[in-house]
Protein backbone atom coordinates (compact mmCIF):
# COMPACT_ATOMS: atom_id res chain seq x y z
CA MET A 1 0.00 -0.28 0.23
CA GLU A 2 1.19 3.36 -0.96
CA GLY A 3 2.57 5.87 2.09
CA ARG A 4 -0.04 8.44 0.19
CA ILE A 5 -2.87 6.48 0.72
CA VAL A 6 -2.60 5.83 4.39
CA ARG A 7 -1.55 9.46 5.00
CA ASP A 8 -4.43 10.56 3.47
CA ALA A 9 -6.87 8.08 5.13
CA LEU A 10 -5.30 9.38 8.50
CA ALA A 11 -6.08 13.07 7.61
CA LEU A 12 -9.54 12.02 6.75
CA TYR A 13 -9.65 10.27 10.20
CA LEU A 14 -8.53 13.63 12.05
CA PHE A 15 -10.91 15.92 9.99
CA LEU A 16 -14.09 13.13 10.78
CA HIS A 17 -12.96 13.09 14.50
CA ALA A 18 -12.99 16.52 14.83
CA ASN A 19 -16.12 17.47 13.09
CA PRO A 20 -18.57 14.86 14.19
CA GLU A 21 -22.30 14.82 13.10
CA LEU A 22 -25.04 13.20 14.91
CA SER A 23 -27.31 10.38 13.10
CA GLY A 24 -29.46 11.87 10.03
CA ALA A 25 -27.46 15.35 10.41
CA GLU A 26 -24.37 13.98 8.65
CA GLU A 27 -24.08 16.50 5.54
CA ARG A 28 -20.69 17.69 5.92
CA THR A 29 -19.34 13.87 6.68
CA ALA A 30 -20.94 12.49 3.74
CA GLY A 31 -19.45 15.44 1.69
CA ALA A 32 -15.87 14.68 2.84
CA PHE A 33 -16.39 11.11 1.88
CA ALA A 34 -17.90 11.64 -1.29
CA GLU A 35 -15.02 13.97 -2.36
CA LYS A 36 -12.46 11.34 -1.59
CA LEU A 37 -14.37 8.71 -3.78
CA ARG A 38 -14.82 10.83 -6.49
CA GLY A 39 -11.07 11.89 -6.29
CA ALA A 40 -10.57 8.09 -6.63
CA GLY A 41 -12.38 7.70 -10.10
CA PHE A 42 -15.50 6.47 -8.62
CA ASP A 43 -19.15 7.25 -9.86
CA VAL A 44 -20.75 8.71 -6.53
CA ALA A 45 -24.38 9.47 -5.58
CA THR A 46 -25.48 11.25 -2.23
CA GLY A 47 -28.44 11.77 -0.67
CA ILE A 48 -29.32 7.90 -0.60
CA GLY A 49 -31.67 6.92 2.28
CA GLY A 50 -30.75 9.96 3.92
CA HIS A 51 -27.32 11.59 3.69
CA GLY A 52 -26.22 7.92 2.72
CA VAL A 53 -23.11 7.73 -0.03
CA VAL A 54 -22.89 5.05 -2.92
CA GLY A 55 -19.58 4.72 -4.90
CA ARG A 56 -19.27 2.78 -7.73
CA LEU A 57 -15.93 1.54 -9.56
CA ALA A 58 -16.38 -0.93 -12.45
CA ASN A 59 -13.41 -2.85 -13.60
CA GLY A 60 -14.63 -5.28 -15.98
CA ASP A 61 -16.79 -8.55 -15.66
CA GLY A 62 -16.76 -9.82 -12.35
CA PRO A 63 -18.55 -9.94 -8.81
CA THR A 64 -20.29 -7.16 -7.35
CA VAL A 65 -18.63 -6.47 -3.71
CA LEU A 66 -19.99 -3.61 -1.27
CA LEU A 67 -18.14 -2.53 1.61
CA ARG A 68 -19.99 -0.40 4.11
CA ALA A 69 -18.76 1.95 6.70
CA GLU A 70 -20.76 4.47 8.82
CA LEU A 71 -21.39 8.37 8.99
CA ASP A 72 -22.56 9.15 12.04
CA ALA A 73 -21.25 9.85 15.77
CA LEU A 74 -22.79 10.15 19.14
CA PRO A 75 -24.24 12.50 21.45
CA VAL A 76 -21.36 12.06 23.76
CA ALA A 77 -18.85 15.12 25.28
CA GLU A 78 -15.47 13.78 24.42
CA ARG A 79 -12.96 13.62 27.40
CA THR A 80 -9.78 11.67 25.46
CA GLY A 81 -7.70 15.20 26.02
CA LEU A 82 -6.55 14.30 22.07
CA ARG A 83 -5.32 17.47 20.28
CA TYR A 84 -7.89 16.81 17.56
CA ALA A 85 -10.63 16.10 20.11
CA SER A 86 -14.26 17.28 18.97
CA ASP A 87 -15.71 20.44 20.47
CA ALA A 88 -18.71 20.29 18.36
CA VAL A 89 -22.36 20.71 19.62
CA ALA A 90 -25.40 20.43 17.73
CA ALA A 91 -28.88 20.11 18.31
CA ASP A 92 -30.37 17.02 18.56
CA ALA A 93 -33.30 15.82 17.52
CA ALA A 94 -34.28 12.81 19.83
CA ALA A 95 -33.90 15.73 22.70
CA ASP A 96 -36.27 18.00 21.18
CA GLY A 97 -33.64 19.80 19.85
CA ALA A 98 -31.62 20.66 22.58
CA PRO A 99 -27.66 21.50 21.91
CA THR A 100 -25.83 18.39 22.60
CA PRO A 101 -21.99 17.91 22.60
CA VAL A 102 -21.10 15.43 19.55
CA MET A 103 -18.23 12.44 19.25
CA HIS A 104 -17.04 9.98 17.27
CA ALA A 105 -17.36 7.60 20.46
CA CYS A 106 -17.81 4.10 18.37
CA GLY A 107 -14.93 4.27 15.37
CA HIS A 108 -17.43 5.20 12.75
CA ASP A 109 -14.60 7.94 11.61
CA LEU A 110 -12.02 5.05 11.40
CA HIS A 111 -14.20 2.91 9.61
CA LEU A 112 -15.09 5.76 7.14
CA ALA A 113 -11.56 6.58 6.64
CA ALA A 114 -9.99 2.85 6.18
CA LEU A 115 -13.18 2.72 3.44
CA ALA A 116 -11.72 5.62 1.86
CA GLY A 117 -8.16 4.34 1.57
CA ALA A 118 -9.39 0.80 0.60
CA ALA A 119 -11.35 2.68 -2.33
CA GLU A 120 -7.88 4.37 -3.17
CA VAL A 121 -6.42 1.13 -3.11
CA PHE A 122 -8.27 -0.65 -5.87
CA ALA A 123 -8.67 2.56 -7.77
CA ALA A 124 -4.80 2.91 -8.04
CA ASP A 125 -4.13 -0.42 -9.43
CA ARG A 126 -6.70 -2.01 -11.65
CA THR A 127 -4.39 -4.60 -13.16
CA GLY A 128 -4.95 -7.58 -10.39
CA TRP A 129 -8.76 -7.37 -10.29
CA ARG A 130 -12.07 -7.61 -12.00
CA GLY A 131 -15.53 -6.74 -10.97
CA THR A 132 -17.30 -3.71 -9.38
CA LEU A 133 -16.52 -2.24 -6.25
CA LEU A 134 -19.87 -0.59 -4.27
CA ALA A 135 -18.25 1.92 -1.30
CA VAL A 136 -21.06 2.92 0.70
CA GLY A 137 -21.32 5.25 3.62
CA GLN A 138 -24.47 4.68 5.55
CA PRO A 139 -25.79 7.24 7.45
CA ALA A 140 -27.72 6.68 10.74
CA GLU A 141 -26.02 3.16 12.36
CA GLU A 142 -26.39 4.50 15.67
CA THR A 143 -30.36 4.66 15.69
CA LEU A 144 -30.61 1.38 13.62
CA ARG A 145 -32.26 3.03 10.62
CA GLY A 146 -30.06 3.83 7.98
CA ALA A 147 -29.31 0.59 6.39
CA THR A 148 -33.09 -0.10 6.33
CA ALA A 149 -33.30 3.51 4.47
CA MET A 150 -30.60 2.82 1.93
CA ILE A 151 -32.40 -0.37 1.10
CA ASP A 152 -35.91 1.12 0.84
CA ASP A 153 -34.21 3.87 -1.31
CA GLY A 154 -33.13 1.47 -4.09
CA LEU A 155 -29.78 1.04 -3.11
CA TYR A 156 -29.81 -2.59 -4.75
CA HIS A 157 -32.36 -1.71 -7.60
CA ARG A 158 -30.27 1.52 -8.83
CA TRP A 159 -26.59 0.31 -8.17
CA GLY A 160 -27.03 -3.63 -8.84
CA ARG A 161 -27.35 -6.61 -5.91
CA PRO A 162 -24.14 -7.24 -4.47
CA ASP A 163 -22.47 -10.92 -4.48
CA VAL A 164 -21.34 -10.37 -1.14
CA ALA A 165 -21.93 -7.12 1.41
CA LEU A 166 -18.76 -6.63 4.20
CA ALA A 167 -18.32 -4.49 7.17
CA GLN A 168 -15.74 -4.13 9.89
CA HIS A 169 -16.04 -2.64 13.53
CA CYS A 170 -13.83 -1.14 15.75
CA ALA A 171 -13.26 -3.25 19.33
CA PRO A 172 -11.16 -3.60 22.16
CA LEU A 173 -8.53 -5.88 20.55
CA PRO A 174 -4.69 -4.67 20.15
CA ALA A 175 -4.80 -2.53 17.22
CA GLY A 176 -3.19 -4.58 14.20
CA MET A 177 -5.67 -7.51 14.83
CA VAL A 178 -8.94 -8.87 13.30
CA ALA A 179 -11.39 -11.18 14.51
CA HIS A 180 -14.05 -13.26 13.32
CA GLY A 181 -17.17 -15.05 14.76
CA ASP A 182 -20.07 -16.69 13.90
CA LEU A 183 -22.68 -14.56 16.02
CA MET A 184 -21.30 -11.14 15.98
CA THR A 185 -24.06 -8.12 17.46
CA ALA A 186 -27.31 -9.11 18.94
CA ALA A 187 -30.64 -8.32 18.12
CA CYS A 188 -32.26 -4.93 19.61
CA VAL A 189 -35.25 -3.01 20.15
CA THR A 190 -35.27 0.32 21.71
CA LEU A 191 -38.62 1.76 22.88
CA ASP A 192 -39.90 5.29 24.27
CA ILE A 193 -42.69 4.71 26.87
CA THR A 194 -44.58 8.16 27.56
CA ILE A 195 -46.62 8.09 30.44
CA ASP A 196 -49.08 11.06 30.35
CA GLY A 197 -49.85 12.66 33.92
CA ARG A 198 -51.97 15.83 34.83
CA GLY A 199 -50.34 18.82 35.81
CA ALA A 200 -50.62 20.49 38.98
CA HIS A 201 -48.79 22.77 41.69
CA THR A 202 -46.34 20.81 43.73
CA ALA A 203 -47.94 22.10 46.93
CA MET A 204 -51.16 20.62 45.72
CA PRO A 205 -50.26 17.40 43.89
CA TYR A 206 -53.61 15.66 44.93
CA LEU A 207 -55.19 17.64 42.01
CA GLY A 208 -52.79 16.25 39.56
CA VAL A 209 -51.44 12.77 38.47
CA ASP A 210 -47.52 12.85 38.71
CA PRO A 211 -45.95 10.84 35.95
CA VAL A 212 -42.50 11.19 37.18
CA VAL A 213 -43.41 9.00 40.19
CA THR A 214 -44.95 6.44 37.86
CA ALA A 215 -42.19 6.58 35.58
CA ALA A 216 -39.93 5.84 38.47
CA LEU A 217 -41.99 3.04 39.56
CA ILE A 218 -41.69 1.77 35.95
CA VAL A 219 -38.19 2.22 35.85
CA THR A 220 -37.49 0.21 39.40
CA GLN A 221 -39.59 -2.83 38.18
CA LEU A 222 -38.02 -2.95 34.48
CA GLN A 223 -34.85 -4.14 36.50
CA THR A 224 -36.78 -7.54 36.95
CA VAL A 225 -37.36 -8.28 33.59
CA ARG A 226 -33.83 -9.85 32.91
CA ALA A 227 -34.14 -11.64 36.10
CA GLN A 228 -37.62 -12.92 36.19
CA GLN A 229 -38.45 -13.23 32.62
CA VAL A 230 -35.31 -14.68 30.79
CA ASP A 231 -33.02 -17.79 31.40
CA PRO A 232 -30.32 -17.26 33.40
CA SER A 233 -28.32 -19.26 30.54
CA GLU A 234 -29.57 -16.81 28.07
CA PRO A 235 -27.48 -13.64 27.16
CA ALA A 236 -29.77 -10.52 27.10
CA VAL A 237 -29.79 -7.16 28.58
CA LEU A 238 -32.34 -4.32 29.36
CA THR A 239 -30.69 -0.71 30.38
CA VAL A 240 -32.95 2.54 30.44
CA GLY A 241 -30.84 4.90 29.09
CA ARG A 242 -33.33 8.09 29.20
CA LEU A 243 -35.88 9.53 31.68
CA SER A 244 -37.03 12.79 31.00
CA ALA A 245 -39.94 14.72 32.53
CA GLY A 246 -40.82 18.62 33.30
CA THR A 247 -39.55 21.74 33.35
CA ARG A 248 -39.68 23.20 36.84
CA ALA A 249 -39.39 21.87 40.42
CA ASN A 250 -42.58 23.25 41.19
CA VAL A 251 -44.48 22.32 38.55
CA VAL A 252 -46.34 18.70 38.48
CA ALA A 253 -45.39 17.71 34.84
CA GLU A 254 -47.72 16.79 32.27
CA SER A 255 -45.84 13.79 31.19
CA ALA A 256 -42.48 11.77 31.70
CA THR A 257 -41.03 9.64 28.92
CA ILE A 258 -38.37 6.80 29.39
CA GLY A 259 -36.17 5.44 26.87
CA VAL A 260 -35.39 1.59 27.33
CA THR A 261 -33.25 -0.72 24.98
CA MET A 262 -33.33 -4.68 25.42
CA ARG A 263 -30.79 -6.64 23.35
CA ALA A 264 -30.77 -10.57 23.16
CA TYR A 265 -29.26 -13.00 20.62
CA SER A 266 -32.63 -14.99 20.45
CA THR A 267 -35.63 -13.11 18.58
CA ALA A 268 -37.76 -14.97 20.81
CA THR A 269 -36.22 -14.04 24.25
CA LEU A 270 -36.35 -10.35 22.80
CA ASP A 271 -39.90 -10.54 22.20
CA ARG A 272 -40.35 -11.83 25.94
CA MET A 273 -38.70 -9.14 27.47
CA ARG A 274 -40.65 -6.54 25.36
CA ALA A 275 -43.85 -8.00 26.37
CA ALA A 276 -43.18 -8.11 29.71
CA VAL A 277 -41.88 -4.15 29.46
CA GLU A 278 -44.99 -3.06 28.21
CA ARG A 279 -47.21 -5.05 30.44
CA ILE A 280 -45.30 -3.28 33.32
CA ALA A 281 -45.82 -0.17 31.78
CA ARG A 282 -49.38 -0.49 31.37
CA ALA A 283 -49.77 -1.59 34.86
CA ALA A 284 -48.06 1.16 36.61
CA CYS A 285 -50.44 3.80 34.38
CA ALA A 286 -53.41 1.86 35.61
CA ALA A 287 -52.16 1.82 39.24
CA ALA A 288 -51.51 5.72 39.18
CA GLY A 289 -54.56 6.52 37.61
CA ALA A 290 -52.80 8.20 34.79
CA PRO A 291 -55.30 9.45 32.24
CA GLY A 292 -54.80 6.84 29.71
CA GLY A 293 -52.33 4.17 29.24
CA PRO A 294 -48.68 4.27 28.07
CA ARG A 295 -47.77 5.57 24.37
CA ILE A 296 -45.07 3.14 23.60
CA ARG A 297 -42.92 3.93 20.50
CA VAL A 298 -40.71 1.63 18.57
CA VAL A 299 -37.42 4.06 17.97
CA ALA A 300 -35.25 1.45 16.22
CA GLU A 301 -35.21 -2.34 16.28
CA SER A 302 -32.40 -4.46 14.48
CA PRO A 303 -32.37 -8.54 13.99
CA THR A 304 -29.25 -10.55 15.30
CA ASN A 305 -26.13 -9.95 13.13
CA ARG A 306 -24.91 -13.83 11.91
CA PRO A 307 -22.30 -13.16 8.83
CA ASP A 308 -22.86 -16.31 6.21
CA PRO A 309 -20.75 -18.92 7.59
CA ALA A 310 -18.79 -19.54 4.04
CA VAL A 311 -18.39 -15.78 3.77
CA THR A 312 -16.80 -15.65 7.22
CA ASP A 313 -14.71 -18.81 5.96
CA ARG A 314 -13.30 -16.94 3.11
CA VAL A 315 -12.47 -13.77 4.72
CA ARG A 316 -10.85 -15.15 7.62
CA SER A 317 -8.46 -17.06 5.20
CA ALA A 318 -8.19 -13.96 3.29
CA HIS A 319 -6.82 -12.26 6.69
CA ALA A 320 -4.91 -14.68 7.72
CA ASP A 321 -3.15 -14.93 4.15
CA ALA A 322 -2.78 -10.88 4.43
CA PHE A 323 -1.81 -10.65 8.32
CA GLY A 324 -0.43 -14.10 9.70
CA ALA A 325 -2.50 -16.37 11.51
CA ALA A 326 -1.28 -14.67 14.93
CA ARG A 327 -2.99 -11.53 14.27
CA VAL A 328 -6.56 -13.15 13.32
CA SER A 329 -8.50 -14.21 16.27
CA GLY A 330 -11.74 -15.30 17.22
CA TRP A 331 -14.61 -13.28 18.45
CA PRO A 332 -17.19 -14.34 20.94
CA PRO A 333 -20.96 -12.95 20.78
CA SER A 334 -21.50 -9.24 21.47
CA LEU A 335 -24.84 -7.66 23.20
CA ALA A 336 -23.63 -4.92 20.89
CA ALA A 337 -26.13 -4.05 17.89
CA ASP A 338 -25.68 -3.40 14.65
CA ASP A 339 -28.37 -2.52 11.45
CA PHE A 340 -26.02 -4.26 8.85
CA PRO A 341 -27.99 -7.15 8.48
CA ALA A 342 -30.30 -5.28 6.35
CA PHE A 343 -27.57 -5.58 3.86
CA ALA A 344 -28.68 -8.91 3.41
CA ALA A 345 -31.76 -7.87 1.80
CA ASP A 346 -32.56 -10.15 -1.37
CA GLY A 347 -30.61 -12.83 0.16
CA VAL A 348 -27.10 -10.81 -0.36
CA PRO A 349 -24.84 -12.83 1.79
CA THR A 350 -22.60 -10.93 4.24
CA GLY A 351 -19.33 -10.83 6.31
CA TYR A 352 -18.50 -9.03 9.30
CA TRP A 353 -15.66 -8.85 11.76
CA MET A 354 -13.82 -7.12 14.44
CA LEU A 355 -10.85 -4.35 14.14
CA GLY A 356 -8.40 -3.87 17.23
CA THR A 357 -8.01 -0.42 18.16
CA ILE A 358 -6.08 -0.52 21.29
CA GLY A 359 -2.44 0.87 21.22
CA PRO A 360 0.52 -1.25 22.78
CA ASP A 361 1.32 1.01 25.65
CA GLU A 362 -2.49 1.10 26.70
CA TRP A 363 -3.12 -2.75 26.12
CA HIS A 364 -0.02 -3.73 28.38
CA ALA A 365 -1.01 -1.08 30.94
CA THR A 366 -4.12 -3.14 31.75
CA THR A 367 -2.23 -6.15 33.07
CA GLY A 368 -4.91 -8.38 32.29
CA ASP A 369 -8.29 -6.09 33.15
CA ARG A 370 -9.50 -5.17 29.96
CA ARG A 371 -12.03 -3.46 31.94
CA GLN A 372 -9.65 -0.57 32.25
CA ILE A 373 -9.78 0.37 28.62
CA PRO A 374 -12.19 2.72 27.71
CA GLY A 375 -14.63 0.77 25.37
CA ASN A 376 -17.13 1.87 22.36
CA HIS A 377 -19.63 4.72 23.51
CA SER A 378 -17.41 5.99 26.35
CA PRO A 379 -16.27 9.65 26.48
CA ARG A 380 -12.53 8.37 26.60
CA PHE A 381 -12.80 6.21 23.34
CA ALA A 382 -9.35 6.88 21.62
CA PRO A 383 -8.31 4.25 18.89
CA HIS A 384 -4.81 4.09 18.00
CA ALA A 385 -5.35 5.49 14.60
CA ARG A 386 -1.70 5.01 13.13
CA LEU A 387 -1.90 1.31 13.74
CA ALA A 388 -5.94 0.67 13.30
CA VAL A 389 -6.50 2.89 10.08
CA PRO A 390 -3.67 1.01 7.76
CA THR A 391 -4.93 -2.39 9.20
CA GLY A 392 -8.48 -1.44 8.66
CA ILE A 393 -7.68 -0.54 5.15
CA ASP A 394 -5.69 -3.55 4.32
CA ALA A 395 -8.51 -6.00 5.80
CA LEU A 396 -10.94 -4.17 3.50
CA THR A 397 -8.58 -4.72 0.93
CA ALA A 398 -7.74 -8.39 1.66
CA ALA A 399 -11.71 -9.27 2.03
CA ALA A 400 -12.94 -7.68 -0.92
CA GLY A 401 -9.86 -9.11 -3.11
CA ALA A 402 -11.15 -12.83 -2.14
CA TRP A 403 -13.98 -12.07 -4.63
CA LEU A 404 -12.64 -9.54 -6.72
CA ARG A 405 -8.78 -11.01 -7.47
CA ARG A 406 -8.07 -12.46 -11.00
């Protein structure tokens, strides 16, 4: 790989990290990625399923390979202390437009930089491969909506059904490594539960119905779902990540909203948890005398991410050839979630692997306790870019080359 390609990819990474954008608002990010693809000679389209980007590079007859990376960042205030740390603030649509710090706390900036680099590798030397490469910048992954939005916007009908769709994701492994598994990420559903009350003066709460108290009871009761509704041998998690209500301490609020996320490997388990959550919410509202039942809205959902076994074997073999067997490891199932399975539409086989991001000094400093490493979604998440970006480029290039090589 040319040193110029790595330098360009690292420069893009630094720009993206310092200028993150929230899900559904990735206009500048999409523009920067599209510009890189155009400069490499790709035919580029933007505005697909939101701010999605599709770059197409045709090089004779052969298979079509789709490589995906994500555009969006998270509503997190960065605490890494890096010289290129984000100080961005944006209006968060999920919080009624409130100003919110924004950070690339999940590695999507690194994924995108690596894909831009891989696109340049294929464009720079077309003698050793045949086929078509689709480089896809997907919006709104953090809300689990963007992949489906791109498919629904005609991704496969307008640019061709790929023979395989591939993606990678940052993980707490040593930078320079990749990891493969049979089940990569969990099925997920996120609900917003709104409890209606009746506003009143806090000096006369008996004249109103306090939705904050009801919401608090629901949050407490939800902690029993994992313990009481799920077989202990089944991996599953339920987390209340948001509770919002009211405007002032001396006013009984009109409503309260709870944001709850459930994840499991089994769809049946996830359905059972969701049914229990809805029962608890309805019962609490009835007990409180709330005006009407809870208003429950599905905010996001995604199925289990199980890559095609044959694709996994083929990519793992390509990575072993590229990196050596010592740098290719197994990966246990994770309760993280990703909407990448939507790219399996129309029967497209998928492949997915994890990309190490932890620098050697940080890895050795943990002395075996990996919990010391700031993980994805942490305000201190800081990949070792100088090692992880080149590895990400090579991982994508090797994986796509398993189909595109002559």
